[in-house]
N, C-alpha and C. Protein backbone atom coordinates (compact mmCIF):
# COMPACT_ATOMS: atom_id res chain seq x y z
N MET A 1 -17.12 8.58 -2.42
CA MET A 1 -15.82 7.42 -2.75
C MET A 1 -14.72 8.03 -1.44
N ASN A 2 -14.47 6.72 -0.60
CA ASN A 2 -13.91 6.68 0.65
C ASN A 2 -12.33 6.67 0.39
N THR A 3 -11.41 6.53 1.54
CA THR A 3 -10.22 6.57 1.30
C THR A 3 -10.52 5.02 0.60
N PRO A 4 -10.40 4.02 0.91
CA PRO A 4 -9.90 2.69 0.73
C PRO A 4 -10.11 2.27 -1.01
N GLU A 5 -11.62 3.22 -1.37
CA GLU A 5 -11.58 2.73 -3.07
C GLU A 5 -10.74 3.97 -3.47
N ILE A 6 -10.54 4.75 -2.68
CA ILE A 6 -9.47 5.83 -3.51
C ILE A 6 -8.04 5.36 -3.78
N LEU A 7 -7.77 4.36 -2.35
CA LEU A 7 -6.66 3.62 -2.64
C LEU A 7 -6.35 2.51 -3.75
N ASN A 8 -7.80 1.98 -3.50
CA ASN A 8 -7.46 0.90 -4.84
C ASN A 8 -7.32 0.72 -5.97
N LYS A 9 -8.81 2.53 -6.38
CA LYS A 9 -8.03 2.92 -7.80
C LYS A 9 -6.55 3.48 -8.21
N ILE A 10 -6.07 4.02 -7.24
CA ILE A 10 -4.63 4.39 -7.33
C ILE A 10 -3.58 2.97 -7.49
N ASN A 11 -3.81 2.18 -6.84
CA ASN A 11 -3.08 0.87 -6.70
C ASN A 11 -3.17 0.29 -8.01
N ASP A 12 -4.66 0.91 -8.94
CA ASP A 12 -4.53 0.00 -9.98
C ASP A 12 -3.76 0.35 -11.05
N PHE A 13 -2.80 1.09 -10.72
CA PHE A 13 -1.52 2.11 -11.71
C PHE A 13 -0.39 1.01 -11.46
N ASP A 14 0.90 1.25 -11.96
CA ASP A 14 2.19 0.74 -11.95
C ASP A 14 2.87 2.36 -11.31
N ILE A 15 2.70 2.25 -10.08
CA ILE A 15 3.50 3.58 -9.44
C ILE A 15 5.01 3.13 -9.60
N VAL A 16 5.44 4.14 -10.00
CA VAL A 16 7.17 4.26 -9.62
C VAL A 16 7.67 4.96 -8.71
N LEU A 17 8.56 4.47 -8.23
CA LEU A 17 9.28 5.68 -6.83
C LEU A 17 10.64 5.69 -7.42
N ALA A 18 11.22 6.67 -7.88
CA ALA A 18 12.71 6.50 -8.76
C ALA A 18 13.47 7.79 -7.61
N SER A 19 13.42 6.61 -6.52
CA SER A 19 14.15 7.84 -5.35
C SER A 19 15.09 6.60 -4.17
N LYS A 20 15.92 6.80 -4.16
CA LYS A 20 16.98 5.92 -3.45
C LYS A 20 15.99 6.26 -1.50
N SER A 21 15.65 7.32 -1.44
CA SER A 21 15.15 8.02 -0.16
C SER A 21 13.90 7.11 0.64
N PRO A 22 14.71 6.52 1.58
CA PRO A 22 13.91 5.60 2.47
C PRO A 22 12.31 6.11 3.47
N ARG A 23 12.53 7.92 3.53
CA ARG A 23 11.45 8.23 4.26
C ARG A 23 10.49 8.39 2.66
N ARG A 24 10.83 8.34 2.36
CA ARG A 24 9.81 8.21 0.53
C ARG A 24 8.66 6.95 0.87
N GLN A 25 9.78 5.87 0.84
CA GLN A 25 9.17 4.45 0.69
C GLN A 25 7.99 4.44 1.83
N GLN A 26 8.43 4.61 2.79
CA GLN A 26 8.10 4.56 4.29
C GLN A 26 6.70 5.26 3.99
N LEU A 27 6.91 6.90 3.74
CA LEU A 27 5.82 7.94 3.59
C LEU A 27 4.63 6.86 2.35
N LEU A 28 5.04 6.25 1.17
CA LEU A 28 4.40 6.14 0.43
C LEU A 28 3.56 4.50 0.94
N THR A 29 4.29 3.02 1.88
CA THR A 29 3.45 1.89 2.65
C THR A 29 3.04 2.82 3.48
N ASP A 30 2.95 3.71 4.43
CA ASP A 30 2.23 3.71 4.98
C ASP A 30 0.84 4.24 4.91
N ILE A 31 0.53 5.02 3.71
CA ILE A 31 -0.84 5.49 3.00
C ILE A 31 -1.60 4.25 2.77
N GLY A 32 -0.60 2.95 2.29
CA GLY A 32 -1.01 1.94 1.19
C GLY A 32 -1.02 1.51 0.52
N LEU A 33 -0.08 2.77 -0.11
CA LEU A 33 -0.13 2.58 -1.74
C LEU A 33 1.38 1.04 -2.30
N LYS A 34 0.80 0.61 -3.42
CA LYS A 34 2.13 -0.42 -3.92
C LYS A 34 2.39 0.51 -5.07
N PHE A 35 3.66 0.06 -4.75
CA PHE A 35 4.73 0.64 -5.71
C PHE A 35 5.77 -0.28 -5.88
N ARG A 36 6.84 0.45 -6.93
CA ARG A 36 8.11 -0.35 -7.11
C ARG A 36 8.72 0.84 -7.00
N VAL A 37 10.38 0.13 -6.99
CA VAL A 37 11.71 1.21 -6.53
C VAL A 37 12.05 1.19 -7.47
N VAL A 38 12.83 2.09 -8.05
CA VAL A 38 13.76 1.63 -8.91
C VAL A 38 14.51 3.07 -8.74
N ASN A 39 15.80 2.60 -8.31
CA ASN A 39 16.81 3.37 -8.11
C ASN A 39 18.53 2.96 -8.40
N HIS A 40 18.35 1.89 -9.33
CA HIS A 40 19.65 1.88 -9.92
C HIS A 40 20.10 2.44 -10.80
N LEU A 41 19.64 3.40 -11.34
CA LEU A 41 20.15 5.05 -12.14
C LEU A 41 20.80 5.84 -11.29
N ASP A 42 21.20 6.73 -11.26
CA ASP A 42 21.26 7.79 -10.75
C ASP A 42 21.29 8.99 -11.77
N MET A 43 20.36 10.04 -11.24
CA MET A 43 20.75 11.27 -11.93
C MET A 43 20.99 12.42 -11.40
N ASP A 44 21.42 13.50 -11.69
CA ASP A 44 22.28 14.47 -10.91
C ASP A 44 20.78 15.22 -11.39
N GLU A 45 20.89 15.55 -9.84
CA GLU A 45 19.57 16.86 -9.80
C GLU A 45 20.29 18.29 -9.34
N VAL A 46 20.58 18.32 -10.69
CA VAL A 46 20.64 20.31 -11.23
C VAL A 46 19.57 20.45 -11.70
N TYR A 47 19.05 21.73 -11.77
CA TYR A 47 18.30 22.57 -11.52
C TYR A 47 18.69 23.89 -12.35
N PRO A 48 18.01 24.93 -12.85
CA PRO A 48 18.19 26.04 -13.27
C PRO A 48 18.23 27.27 -12.03
N SER A 49 18.90 27.80 -12.01
CA SER A 49 19.41 28.72 -10.69
C SER A 49 17.97 29.81 -10.62
N VAL A 50 17.36 30.06 -11.87
CA VAL A 50 16.75 31.03 -11.93
C VAL A 50 15.29 30.63 -10.89
N LEU A 51 15.10 29.19 -10.79
CA LEU A 51 13.69 28.48 -10.53
C LEU A 51 13.69 29.58 -8.94
N LYS A 52 12.39 29.57 -8.70
CA LYS A 52 12.08 29.73 -7.59
C LYS A 52 12.10 28.39 -6.28
N ARG A 53 12.49 28.52 -5.11
CA ARG A 53 12.76 27.39 -4.35
C ARG A 53 10.58 26.56 -4.50
N GLU A 54 9.86 26.69 -4.65
CA GLU A 54 8.96 26.08 -4.27
C GLU A 54 9.11 25.23 -6.20
N GLU A 55 9.63 25.74 -6.76
CA GLU A 55 9.62 25.37 -8.01
C GLU A 55 10.36 24.50 -8.43
N ILE A 56 11.07 24.29 -7.59
CA ILE A 56 12.57 23.37 -7.80
C ILE A 56 11.95 21.84 -7.51
N PRO A 57 10.87 21.02 -6.56
CA PRO A 57 10.57 19.87 -6.73
C PRO A 57 9.79 19.41 -8.07
N LEU A 58 9.27 20.17 -8.62
CA LEU A 58 7.50 19.90 -9.57
C LEU A 58 8.76 19.36 -10.78
N TYR A 59 10.37 20.32 -11.05
CA TYR A 59 11.12 20.24 -11.84
C TYR A 59 11.77 19.35 -12.08
N LEU A 60 12.69 19.09 -10.74
CA LEU A 60 13.21 17.92 -10.58
C LEU A 60 12.20 16.43 -10.80
N ALA A 61 10.92 16.28 -10.21
CA ALA A 61 10.26 15.31 -10.46
C ALA A 61 9.85 15.30 -11.83
N LYS A 62 9.59 16.33 -12.99
CA LYS A 62 9.65 16.27 -14.00
C LYS A 62 11.16 15.88 -14.79
N ALA A 63 11.88 16.17 -14.32
CA ALA A 63 13.40 15.41 -14.86
C ALA A 63 13.35 14.13 -14.53
N LYS A 64 13.13 14.07 -13.35
CA LYS A 64 13.17 12.62 -13.32
C LYS A 64 12.57 11.22 -13.70
N ALA A 65 11.49 12.12 -14.08
CA ALA A 65 10.32 11.26 -14.87
C ALA A 65 10.45 10.60 -16.62
N SER A 66 11.20 12.18 -16.71
CA SER A 66 11.63 12.14 -18.20
C SER A 66 12.93 11.21 -18.58
N PHE A 67 13.73 11.15 -17.62
CA PHE A 67 14.86 10.52 -17.17
C PHE A 67 14.58 8.98 -17.60
N TYR A 68 13.47 8.62 -16.33
CA TYR A 68 13.89 7.45 -15.99
C TYR A 68 12.50 6.20 -16.79
N GLU A 69 11.96 7.17 -17.99
CA GLU A 69 10.86 6.73 -18.67
C GLU A 69 11.33 5.85 -19.60
N SER A 70 12.67 6.11 -20.54
CA SER A 70 13.26 4.96 -21.33
C SER A 70 13.41 3.41 -20.27
N PHE A 71 13.55 3.87 -19.18
CA PHE A 71 14.57 2.64 -18.77
C PHE A 71 13.18 1.41 -18.16
N LEU A 72 11.94 2.21 -18.66
CA LEU A 72 10.86 1.31 -17.72
C LEU A 72 9.43 0.50 -18.91
N GLU A 73 9.61 -0.57 -18.64
CA GLU A 73 8.65 -1.46 -19.25
C GLU A 73 7.51 -1.85 -19.24
């Protein structure tokens, strides 16, 4: 499967970016992904202090996904 075919399959999904970061939006746009931005709600990005540095992004991503899930249609 080549890159355009992969992008077409991925773009079949409703991709939601729960971030106000212009850089993240630009990165997704640059690789050709279709997405929508949901940033009208604020969530504190707090995490347990026992997490290793490399575990923090995944922890926050899961927390954001869980937080925003109830607001998605």
